[in-house]
Each structure stands twice: as C-alpha cells, then as structure tokens.
Amino acid sequence: MCAKLKDISAGEAHTLAFAEDNRLWSCGYGPLGLGNEVSQVLSLQRVLGLNGIGYLEHIIAFDAGWEYSLAVDSNGFCLAWGYDSYGSAAK
C-alpha cells in the first residue's frame, strides 16, 4: 500500500510518518506500535490499533519521543506506546 505523507516526527531510534488519510506509519528500532514481537523495521509500516487490533485511524496529532510515541485521534483519545522504563503503563 502506498500512502502520501504530510508530516513526520523523529524519536531516538524511530520515525513516525503521518499520511494524508490520517493514518500513522512507523519504522526504526524499539517499540514501534507494530506488535510486541516487532522491534526493528526499516520500511514504514502502519501502526496497529488498540490491543493490536486493526490500525490506528483518524489521527489528528502525533509525536515520536525518546523511546515512546503518542497519537491523538479525532475522538480525543490519546494513545501511547513505548518502553516501560519508568513505571508508566503506556502500550
């Protein structure tokens, strides 16, 4: 699937890419939002939805942090995923 990108954000070792259809893509190293078993992907892949079901859609804001990522959808829900190094429960 090919998507036309309109924005990107770079984290410590990963990148998030935002497509014109408001879908989110990820690549790099670490927790990428692509499933627990995936920690290295060198080409953009669609970020999975909550609990790994479907894909994130209707995203209106996003950011790639040091070892985490955040996304806000059109319903106002903030989703986070990344390493749980400091006691947070982001998934």
PDB file of N, CA and C in Angstrom:
ATOM      1  N   MET A   1       0.842  -1.179   0.000  1.00  0.00           N
ATOM      2  CA  MET A   1       0.000   0.000   0.000  1.00  0.00           C
ATOM      3  C   MET A   1       0.880   1.232   0.000  1.00  0.00           C
ATOM      4  N   CYS A   2       0.552   2.188  -0.787  1.00  0.00           N
ATOM      5  CA  CYS A   2       1.308   3.421  -0.893  1.00  0.00           C
ATOM      6  C   CYS A   2       0.492   4.555  -0.277  1.00  0.00           C
ATOM      7  N   ALA A   3       1.142   5.381   0.529  1.00  0.00           N
ATOM      8  CA  ALA A   3       0.452   6.499   1.169  1.00  0.00           C
ATOM      9  C   ALA A   3       1.257   7.767   0.940  1.00  0.00           C
ATOM     10  N   LYS A   4       0.573   8.858   0.672  1.00  0.00           N
ATOM     11  CA  LYS A   4       1.237  10.143   0.522  1.00  0.00           C
ATOM     12  C   LYS A   4       1.363  10.770   1.908  1.00  0.00           C
ATOM     13  N   LEU A   5       2.592  11.049   2.316  1.00  0.00           N
ATOM     14  CA  LEU A   5       2.857  11.564   3.655  1.00  0.00           C
ATOM     15  C   LEU A   5       2.726  13.074   3.709  1.00  0.00           C
ATOM     16  N   LYS A   6       2.267  13.574   4.882  1.00  0.00           N
ATOM     17  CA  LYS A   6       2.165  15.021   5.042  1.00  0.00           C
ATOM     18  C   LYS A   6       2.952  15.544   6.237  1.00  0.00           C
ATOM     19  N   ASP A   7       3.467  14.636   7.108  1.00  0.00           N
ATOM     20  CA  ASP A   7       4.249  15.082   8.252  1.00  0.00           C
ATOM     21  C   ASP A   7       5.034  13.894   8.813  1.00  0.00           C
ATOM     22  N   ILE A   8       6.140  14.185   9.486  1.00  0.00           N
ATOM     23  CA  ILE A   8       6.924  13.144  10.153  1.00  0.00           C
ATOM     24  C   ILE A   8       7.384  13.654  11.512  1.00  0.00           C
ATOM     25  N   SER A   9       7.756  12.717  12.378  1.00  0.00           N
ATOM     26  CA  SER A   9       8.346  13.042  13.673  1.00  0.00           C
ATOM     27  C   SER A   9       9.403  11.986  13.967  1.00  0.00           C
ATOM     28  N   ALA A  10      10.577  12.431  14.396  1.00  0.00           N
ATOM     29  CA  ALA A  10      11.675  11.504  14.671  1.00  0.00           C
ATOM     30  C   ALA A  10      11.899  11.375  16.161  1.00  0.00           C
ATOM     31  N   GLY A  11      11.974  10.132  16.633  1.00  0.00           N
ATOM     32  CA  GLY A  11      12.294   9.843  18.027  1.00  0.00           C
ATOM     33  C   GLY A  11      13.751   9.471  18.147  1.00  0.00           C
ATOM     34  N   GLU A  12      14.113   8.822  19.259  1.00  0.00           N
ATOM     35  CA  GLU A  12      15.502   8.413  19.491  1.00  0.00           C
ATOM     36  C   GLU A  12      16.012   7.494  18.380  1.00  0.00           C
ATOM     37  N   ALA A  13      15.262   6.449  18.058  1.00  0.00           N
ATOM     38  CA  ALA A  13      15.704   5.494  17.040  1.00  0.00           C
ATOM     39  C   ALA A  13      14.552   5.051  16.148  1.00  0.00           C
ATOM     40  N   HIS A  14      13.496   5.853  16.106  1.00  0.00           N
ATOM     41  CA  HIS A  14      12.349   5.505  15.276  1.00  0.00           C
ATOM     42  C   HIS A  14      11.728   6.764  14.674  1.00  0.00           C
ATOM     43  N   THR A  15      10.929   6.549  13.664  1.00  0.00           N
ATOM     44  CA  THR A  15      10.250   7.644  12.974  1.00  0.00           C
ATOM     45  C   THR A  15       8.777   7.319  12.852  1.00  0.00           C
ATOM     46  N   LEU A  16       7.935   8.320  13.058  1.00  0.00           N
ATOM     47  CA  LEU A  16       6.509   8.218  12.773  1.00  0.00           C
ATOM     48  C   LEU A  16       6.227   9.061  11.553  1.00  0.00           C
ATOM     49  N   ALA A  17       5.392   8.570  10.683  1.00  0.00           N
ATOM     50  CA  ALA A  17       5.012   9.295   9.472  1.00  0.00           C
ATOM     51  C   ALA A  17       3.486   9.386   9.427  1.00  0.00           C
ATOM     52  N   PHE A  18       2.985  10.558   9.111  1.00  0.00           N
ATOM     53  CA  PHE A  18       1.560  10.838   9.093  1.00  0.00           C
ATOM     54  C   PHE A  18       1.121  11.001   7.644  1.00  0.00           C
ATOM     55  N   ALA A  19       0.176  10.170   7.234  1.00  0.00           N
ATOM     56  CA  ALA A  19      -0.283  10.178   5.848  1.00  0.00           C
ATOM     57  C   ALA A  19      -1.466  11.124   5.665  1.00  0.00           C
ATOM     58  N   GLU A  20      -1.724  11.498   4.420  1.00  0.00           N
ATOM     59  CA  GLU A  20      -2.844  12.391   4.108  1.00  0.00           C
ATOM     60  C   GLU A  20      -4.195  11.816   4.514  1.00  0.00           C
ATOM     61  N   ASP A  21      -4.298  10.493   4.613  1.00  0.00           N
ATOM     62  CA  ASP A  21      -5.553   9.861   5.017  1.00  0.00           C
ATOM     63  C   ASP A  21      -5.672   9.724   6.540  1.00  0.00           C
ATOM     64  N   ASN A  22      -4.820  10.449   7.287  1.00  0.00           N
ATOM     65  CA  ASN A  22      -4.821  10.478   8.756  1.00  0.00           C
ATOM     66  C   ASN A  22      -4.505   9.131   9.391  1.00  0.00           C
ATOM     67  N   ARG A  23      -3.702   8.348   8.705  1.00  0.00           N
ATOM     68  CA  ARG A  23      -3.202   7.092   9.252  1.00  0.00           C
ATOM     69  C   ARG A  23      -1.746   7.282   9.629  1.00  0.00           C
ATOM     70  N   LEU A  24      -1.308   6.499  10.612  1.00  0.00           N
ATOM     71  CA  LEU A  24       0.036   6.650  11.149  1.00  0.00           C
ATOM     72  C   LEU A  24       0.905   5.461  10.768  1.00  0.00           C
ATOM     73  N   TRP A  25       2.146   5.747  10.404  1.00  0.00           N
ATOM     74  CA  TRP A  25       3.114   4.737   9.986  1.00  0.00           C
ATOM     75  C   TRP A  25       4.351   4.861  10.872  1.00  0.00           C
ATOM     76  N   SER A  26       5.114   3.762  11.000  1.00  0.00           N
ATOM     77  CA  SER A  26       6.276   3.743  11.877  1.00  0.00           C
ATOM     78  C   SER A  26       7.390   2.890  11.273  1.00  0.00           C
ATOM     79  N   CYS A  27       8.628   3.239  11.594  1.00  0.00           N
ATOM     80  CA  CYS A  27       9.770   2.394  11.264  1.00  0.00           C
ATOM     81  C   CYS A  27      10.927   2.758  12.178  1.00  0.00           C
ATOM     82  N   GLY A  28      11.915   1.887  12.255  1.00  0.00           N
ATOM     83  CA  GLY A  28      13.092   2.130  13.071  1.00  0.00           C
ATOM     84  C   GLY A  28      13.352   0.985  14.024  1.00  0.00           C
ATOM     85  N   TYR A  29      13.806   1.333  15.234  1.00  0.00           N
ATOM     86  CA  TYR A  29      14.160   0.352  16.264  1.00  0.00           C
ATOM     87  C   TYR A  29      13.399   0.671  17.534  1.00  0.00           C
ATOM     88  N   GLY A  30      13.056  -0.365  18.297  1.00  0.00           N
ATOM     89  CA  GLY A  30      12.388  -0.180  19.577  1.00  0.00           C
ATOM     90  C   GLY A  30      10.902  -0.446  19.481  1.00  0.00           C
ATOM     91  N   PRO A  31      10.132   0.071  20.423  1.00  0.00           N
ATOM     92  CA  PRO A  31       8.680  -0.132  20.411  1.00  0.00           C
ATOM     93  C   PRO A  31       8.032   0.738  19.333  1.00  0.00           C
ATOM     94  N   LEU A  32       7.625   0.111  18.271  1.00  0.00           N
ATOM     95  CA  LEU A  32       7.171   0.836  17.088  1.00  0.00           C
ATOM     96  C   LEU A  32       5.659   0.893  16.926  1.00  0.00           C
ATOM     97  N   GLY A  33       4.932   0.208  17.794  1.00  0.00           N
ATOM     98  CA  GLY A  33       3.480   0.141  17.625  1.00  0.00           C
ATOM     99  C   GLY A  33       3.072  -0.871  16.576  1.00  0.00           C
ATOM    100  N   LEU A  34       3.954  -1.832  16.312  1.00  0.00           N
ATOM    101  CA  LEU A  34       3.708  -2.830  15.269  1.00  0.00           C
ATOM    102  C   LEU A  34       3.532  -4.232  15.846  1.00  0.00           C
ATOM    103  N   GLY A  35       3.335  -4.331  17.144  1.00  0.00           N
ATOM    104  CA  GLY A  35       3.220  -5.626  17.812  1.00  0.00           C
ATOM    105  C   GLY A  35       4.424  -5.846  18.708  1.00  0.00           C
ATOM    106  N   ASN A  36       4.237  -6.577  19.779  1.00  0.00           N
ATOM    107  CA  ASN A  36       5.300  -6.781  20.767  1.00  0.00           C
ATOM    108  C   ASN A  36       6.522  -7.489  20.215  1.00  0.00           C
ATOM    109  N   GLU A  37       6.334  -8.356  19.240  1.00  0.00           N
ATOM    110  CA  GLU A  37       7.455  -9.124  18.712  1.00  0.00           C
ATOM    111  C   GLU A  37       8.268  -8.351  17.674  1.00  0.00           C
ATOM    112  N   VAL A  38       7.809  -7.195  17.261  1.00  0.00           N
ATOM    113  CA  VAL A  38       8.497  -6.411  16.231  1.00  0.00           C
ATOM    114  C   VAL A  38       9.259  -5.279  16.901  1.00  0.00           C
ATOM    115  N   SER A  39      10.591  -5.292  16.778  1.00  0.00           N
ATOM    116  CA  SER A  39      11.388  -4.227  17.380  1.00  0.00           C
ATOM    117  C   SER A  39      12.357  -3.583  16.397  1.00  0.00           C
ATOM    118  N   GLN A  40      12.346  -4.035  15.150  1.00  0.00           N
ATOM    119  CA  GLN A  40      13.201  -3.439  14.127  1.00  0.00           C
ATOM    120  C   GLN A  40      12.524  -3.579  12.772  1.00  0.00           C
ATOM    121  N   VAL A  41      12.227  -2.454  12.160  1.00  0.00           N
ATOM    122  CA  VAL A  41      11.622  -2.425  10.829  1.00  0.00           C
ATOM    123  C   VAL A  41      12.243  -1.250  10.086  1.00  0.00           C
ATOM    124  N   LEU A  42      12.787  -1.508   8.919  1.00  0.00           N
ATOM    125  CA  LEU A  42      13.483  -0.462   8.181  1.00  0.00           C
ATOM    126  C   LEU A  42      12.631   0.238   7.131  1.00  0.00           C
ATOM    127  N   SER A  43      11.410  -0.234   6.910  1.00  0.00           N
ATOM    128  CA  SER A  43      10.498   0.452   5.995  1.00  0.00           C
ATOM    129  C   SER A  43       9.202   0.761   6.741  1.00  0.00           C
ATOM    130  N   LEU A  44       8.543   1.815   6.356  1.00  0.00           N
ATOM    131  CA  LEU A  44       7.332   2.236   7.059  1.00  0.00           C
ATOM    132  C   LEU A  44       6.258   1.160   7.046  1.00  0.00           C
ATOM    133  N   GLN A  45       5.644   0.948   8.223  1.00  0.00           N
ATOM    134  CA  GLN A  45       4.544   0.003   8.402  1.00  0.00           C
ATOM    135  C   GLN A  45       3.433   0.729   9.150  1.00  0.00           C
ATOM    136  N   ARG A  46       2.181   0.374   8.882  1.00  0.00           N
ATOM    137  CA  ARG A  46       1.063   1.006   9.592  1.00  0.00           C
ATOM    138  C   ARG A  46       1.064   0.619  11.053  1.00  0.00           C
ATOM    139  N   VAL A  47       0.830   1.601  11.912  1.00  0.00           N
ATOM    140  CA  VAL A  47       0.779   1.378  13.355  1.00  0.00           C
ATOM    141  C   VAL A  47      -0.519   0.658  13.704  1.00  0.00           C
ATOM    142  N   LEU A  48      -0.393  -0.364  14.528  1.00  0.00           N
ATOM    143  CA  LEU A  48      -1.548  -1.157  14.937  1.00  0.00           C
ATOM    144  C   LEU A  48      -2.467  -0.372  15.871  1.00  0.00           C
ATOM    145  N   GLY A  49      -3.724  -0.770  15.891  1.00  0.00           N
ATOM    146  CA  GLY A  49      -4.713  -0.152  16.761  1.00  0.00           C
ATOM    147  C   GLY A  49      -4.598  -0.651  18.193  1.00  0.00           C
ATOM    148  N   LEU A  50      -5.518  -0.204  19.016  1.00  0.00           N
ATOM    149  CA  LEU A  50      -5.553  -0.564  20.428  1.00  0.00           C
ATOM    150  C   LEU A  50      -5.557  -2.080  20.603  1.00  0.00           C
ATOM    151  N   ASN A  51      -4.701  -2.574  21.475  1.00  0.00           N
ATOM    152  CA  ASN A  51      -4.540  -4.015  21.739  1.00  0.00           C
ATOM    153  C   ASN A  51      -4.138  -4.795  20.493  1.00  0.00           C
ATOM    154  N   GLY A  52      -3.519  -4.134  19.518  1.00  0.00           N
ATOM    155  CA  GLY A  52      -3.037  -4.800  18.317  1.00  0.00           C
ATOM    156  C   GLY A  52      -4.130  -5.169  17.328  1.00  0.00           C
ATOM    157  N   ILE A  53      -5.316  -4.605  17.496  1.00  0.00           N
ATOM    158  CA  ILE A  53      -6.441  -4.919  16.614  1.00  0.00           C
ATOM    159  C   ILE A  53      -6.600  -3.818  15.576  1.00  0.00           C
ATOM    160  N   GLY A  54      -6.579  -4.190  14.315  1.00  0.00           N
ATOM    161  CA  GLY A  54      -6.717  -3.198  13.243  1.00  0.00           C
ATOM    162  C   GLY A  54      -5.545  -2.234  13.234  1.00  0.00           C
ATOM    163  N   TYR A  55      -5.811  -1.016  12.778  1.00  0.00           N
ATOM    164  CA  TYR A  55      -4.774   0.004  12.677  1.00  0.00           C
ATOM    165  C   TYR A  55      -5.282   1.314  13.260  1.00  0.00           C
ATOM    166  N   LEU A  56      -4.341   2.158  13.700  1.00  0.00           N
ATOM    167  CA  LEU A  56      -4.736   3.485  14.155  1.00  0.00           C
ATOM    168  C   LEU A  56      -5.264   4.272  12.964  1.00  0.00           C
ATOM    169  N   GLU A  57      -6.404   4.886  13.148  1.00  0.00           N
ATOM    170  CA  GLU A  57      -7.008   5.700  12.097  1.00  0.00           C
ATOM    171  C   GLU A  57      -7.553   6.982  12.705  1.00  0.00           C
ATOM    172  N   HIS A  58      -7.867   7.936  11.866  1.00  0.00           N
ATOM    173  CA  HIS A  58      -8.460   9.212  12.290  1.00  0.00           C
ATOM    174  C   HIS A  58      -7.554   9.949  13.275  1.00  0.00           C
ATOM    175  N   ILE A  59      -6.249   9.872  13.045  1.00  0.00           N
ATOM    176  CA  ILE A  59      -5.278  10.538  13.905  1.00  0.00           C
ATOM    177  C   ILE A  59      -5.248  12.028  13.549  1.00  0.00           C
ATOM    178  N   ILE A  60      -5.211  12.881  14.597  1.00  0.00           N
ATOM    179  CA  ILE A  60      -5.165  14.324  14.355  1.00  0.00           C
ATOM    180  C   ILE A  60      -3.865  14.949  14.861  1.00  0.00           C
ATOM    181  N   ALA A  61      -3.157  14.248  15.765  1.00  0.00           N
ATOM    182  CA  ALA A  61      -1.874  14.740  16.274  1.00  0.00           C
ATOM    183  C   ALA A  61      -1.024  13.525  16.664  1.00  0.00           C
ATOM    184  N   PHE A  62       0.301  13.697  16.606  1.00  0.00           N
ATOM    185  CA  PHE A  62       1.203  12.597  16.943  1.00  0.00           C
ATOM    186  C   PHE A  62       2.576  13.155  17.261  1.00  0.00           C
ATOM    187  N   ASP A  63       3.390  12.351  17.948  1.00  0.00           N
ATOM    188  CA  ASP A  63       4.765  12.745  18.224  1.00  0.00           C
ATOM    189  C   ASP A  63       5.579  11.509  18.572  1.00  0.00           C
ATOM    190  N   ALA A  64       6.799  11.473  18.096  1.00  0.00           N
ATOM    191  CA  ALA A  64       7.746  10.413  18.433  1.00  0.00           C
ATOM    192  C   ALA A  64       8.686  10.969  19.488  1.00  0.00           C
ATOM    193  N   GLY A  65       8.742  10.312  20.634  1.00  0.00           N
ATOM    194  CA  GLY A  65       9.620  10.751  21.708  1.00  0.00           C
ATOM    195  C   GLY A  65      10.894   9.938  21.767  1.00  0.00           C
ATOM    196  N   TRP A  66      11.555   9.976  22.913  1.00  0.00           N
ATOM    197  CA  TRP A  66      12.837   9.307  23.068  1.00  0.00           C
ATOM    198  C   TRP A  66      12.684   7.810  22.856  1.00  0.00           C
ATOM    199  N   GLU A  67      11.861   7.145  23.643  1.00  0.00           N
ATOM    200  CA  GLU A  67      11.599   5.715  23.466  1.00  0.00           C
ATOM    201  C   GLU A  67      10.099   5.437  23.597  1.00  0.00           C
ATOM    202  N   TYR A  68       9.308   6.363  23.091  1.00  0.00           N
ATOM    203  CA  TYR A  68       7.859   6.243  23.146  1.00  0.00           C
ATOM    204  C   TYR A  68       7.247   7.024  21.993  1.00  0.00           C
ATOM    205  N   SER A  69       5.973   6.792  21.770  1.00  0.00           N
ATOM    206  CA  SER A  69       5.222   7.536  20.757  1.00  0.00           C
ATOM    207  C   SER A  69       3.849   7.876  21.313  1.00  0.00           C
ATOM    208  N   LEU A  70       3.279   8.958  20.829  1.00  0.00           N
ATOM    209  CA  LEU A  70       1.947   9.406  21.234  1.00  0.00           C
ATOM    210  C   LEU A  70       1.128   9.719  19.997  1.00  0.00           C
ATOM    211  N   ALA A  71      -0.166   9.462  20.084  1.00  0.00           N
ATOM    212  CA  ALA A  71      -1.081   9.824  18.999  1.00  0.00           C
ATOM    213  C   ALA A  71      -2.422  10.201  19.608  1.00  0.00           C
ATOM    214  N   VAL A  72      -3.080  11.183  19.023  1.00  0.00           N
ATOM    215  CA  VAL A  72      -4.417  11.601  19.439  1.00  0.00           C
ATOM    216  C   VAL A  72      -5.338  11.384  18.257  1.00  0.00           C
ATOM    217  N   ASP A  73      -6.488  10.740  18.521  1.00  0.00           N
ATOM    218  CA  ASP A  73      -7.436  10.517  17.427  1.00  0.00           C
ATOM    219  C   ASP A  73      -8.542  11.570  17.441  1.00  0.00           C
ATOM    220  N   SER A  74      -9.392  11.543  16.441  1.00  0.00           N
ATOM    221  CA  SER A  74     -10.426  12.562  16.273  1.00  0.00           C
ATOM    222  C   SER A  74     -11.488  12.514  17.373  1.00  0.00           C
ATOM    223  N   ASN A  75     -11.522  11.455  18.176  1.00  0.00           N
ATOM    224  CA  ASN A  75     -12.437  11.378  19.322  1.00  0.00           C
ATOM    225  C   ASN A  75     -11.806  11.946  20.581  1.00  0.00           C
ATOM    226  N   GLY A  76     -10.549  12.403  20.491  1.00  0.00           N
ATOM    227  CA  GLY A  76      -9.862  12.985  21.629  1.00  0.00           C
ATOM    228  C   GLY A  76      -9.103  11.994  22.484  1.00  0.00           C
ATOM    229  N   PHE A  77      -9.038  10.731  22.076  1.00  0.00           N
ATOM    230  CA  PHE A  77      -8.288   9.730  22.831  1.00  0.00           C
ATOM    231  C   PHE A  77      -6.802   9.873  22.550  1.00  0.00           C
ATOM    232  N   CYS A  78      -6.003   9.864  23.605  1.00  0.00           N
ATOM    233  CA  CYS A  78      -4.548   9.888  23.479  1.00  0.00           C
ATOM    234  C   CYS A  78      -4.043   8.465  23.653  1.00  0.00           C
ATOM    235  N   LEU A  79      -3.300   7.992  22.698  1.00  0.00           N
ATOM    236  CA  LEU A  79      -2.735   6.644  22.736  1.00  0.00           C
ATOM    237  C   LEU A  79      -1.221   6.764  22.871  1.00  0.00           C
ATOM    238  N   ALA A  80      -0.636   5.897  23.674  1.00  0.00           N
ATOM    239  CA  ALA A  80       0.811   5.930  23.904  1.00  0.00           C
ATOM    240  C   ALA A  80       1.362   4.519  23.850  1.00  0.00           C
ATOM    241  N   TRP A  81       2.584   4.390  23.326  1.00  0.00           N
ATOM    242  CA  TRP A  81       3.270   3.098  23.328  1.00  0.00           C
ATOM    243  C   TRP A  81       4.757   3.360  23.409  1.00  0.00           C
ATOM    244  N   GLY A  82       5.457   2.401  24.006  1.00  0.00           N
ATOM    245  CA  GLY A  82       6.896   2.538  24.140  1.00  0.00           C
ATOM    246  C   GLY A  82       7.426   1.688  25.267  1.00  0.00           C
ATOM    247  N   TYR A  83       8.674   1.963  25.664  1.00  0.00           N
ATOM    248  CA  TYR A  83       9.299   1.221  26.750  1.00  0.00           C
ATOM    249  C   TYR A  83       8.689   1.657  28.073  1.00  0.00           C
ATOM    250  N   ASP A  84       8.586   0.735  29.002  1.00  0.00           N
ATOM    251  CA  ASP A  84       8.031   0.983  30.320  1.00  0.00           C
ATOM    252  C   ASP A  84       9.160   1.093  31.341  1.00  0.00           C
ATOM    253  N   SER A  85      10.120   1.971  31.071  1.00  0.00           N
ATOM    254  CA  SER A  85      11.315   2.065  31.906  1.00  0.00           C
ATOM    255  C   SER A  85      11.102   2.804  33.213  1.00  0.00           C
ATOM    256  N   TYR A  86      10.076   3.635  33.299  1.00  0.00           N
ATOM    257  CA  TYR A  86       9.908   4.488  34.474  1.00  0.00           C
ATOM    258  C   TYR A  86       8.561   4.285  35.146  1.00  0.00           C
ATOM    259  N   GLY A  87       7.974   3.110  35.012  1.00  0.00           N
ATOM    260  CA  GLY A  87       6.765   2.797  35.736  1.00  0.00           C
ATOM    261  C   GLY A  87       5.475   3.180  35.047  1.00  0.00           C
ATOM    262  N   SER A  88       5.539   3.740  33.864  1.00  0.00           N
ATOM    263  CA  SER A  88       4.305   4.073  33.150  1.00  0.00           C
ATOM    264  C   SER A  88       3.739   2.809  32.543  1.00  0.00           C
ATOM    265  N   ALA A  89       2.466   2.837  32.208  1.00  0.00           N
ATOM    266  CA  ALA A  89       1.804   1.665  31.637  1.00  0.00           C
ATOM    267  C   ALA A  89       1.424   1.912  30.190  1.00  0.00           C
ATOM    268  N   ALA A  90       2.209   2.680  29.482  1.00  0.00           N
ATOM    269  CA  ALA A  90       1.897   3.008  28.085  1.00  0.00           C
ATOM    270  C   ALA A  90       2.054   1.785  27.207  1.00  0.00           C
ATOM    271  N   LYS A  91       1.039   1.485  26.428  1.00  0.00           N
ATOM    272  CA  LYS A  91       1.073   0.376  25.495  1.00  0.00           C
ATOM    273  C   LYS A  91       0.382   0.793  24.224  1.00  0.00           C
TER     274      LYS A  91
END
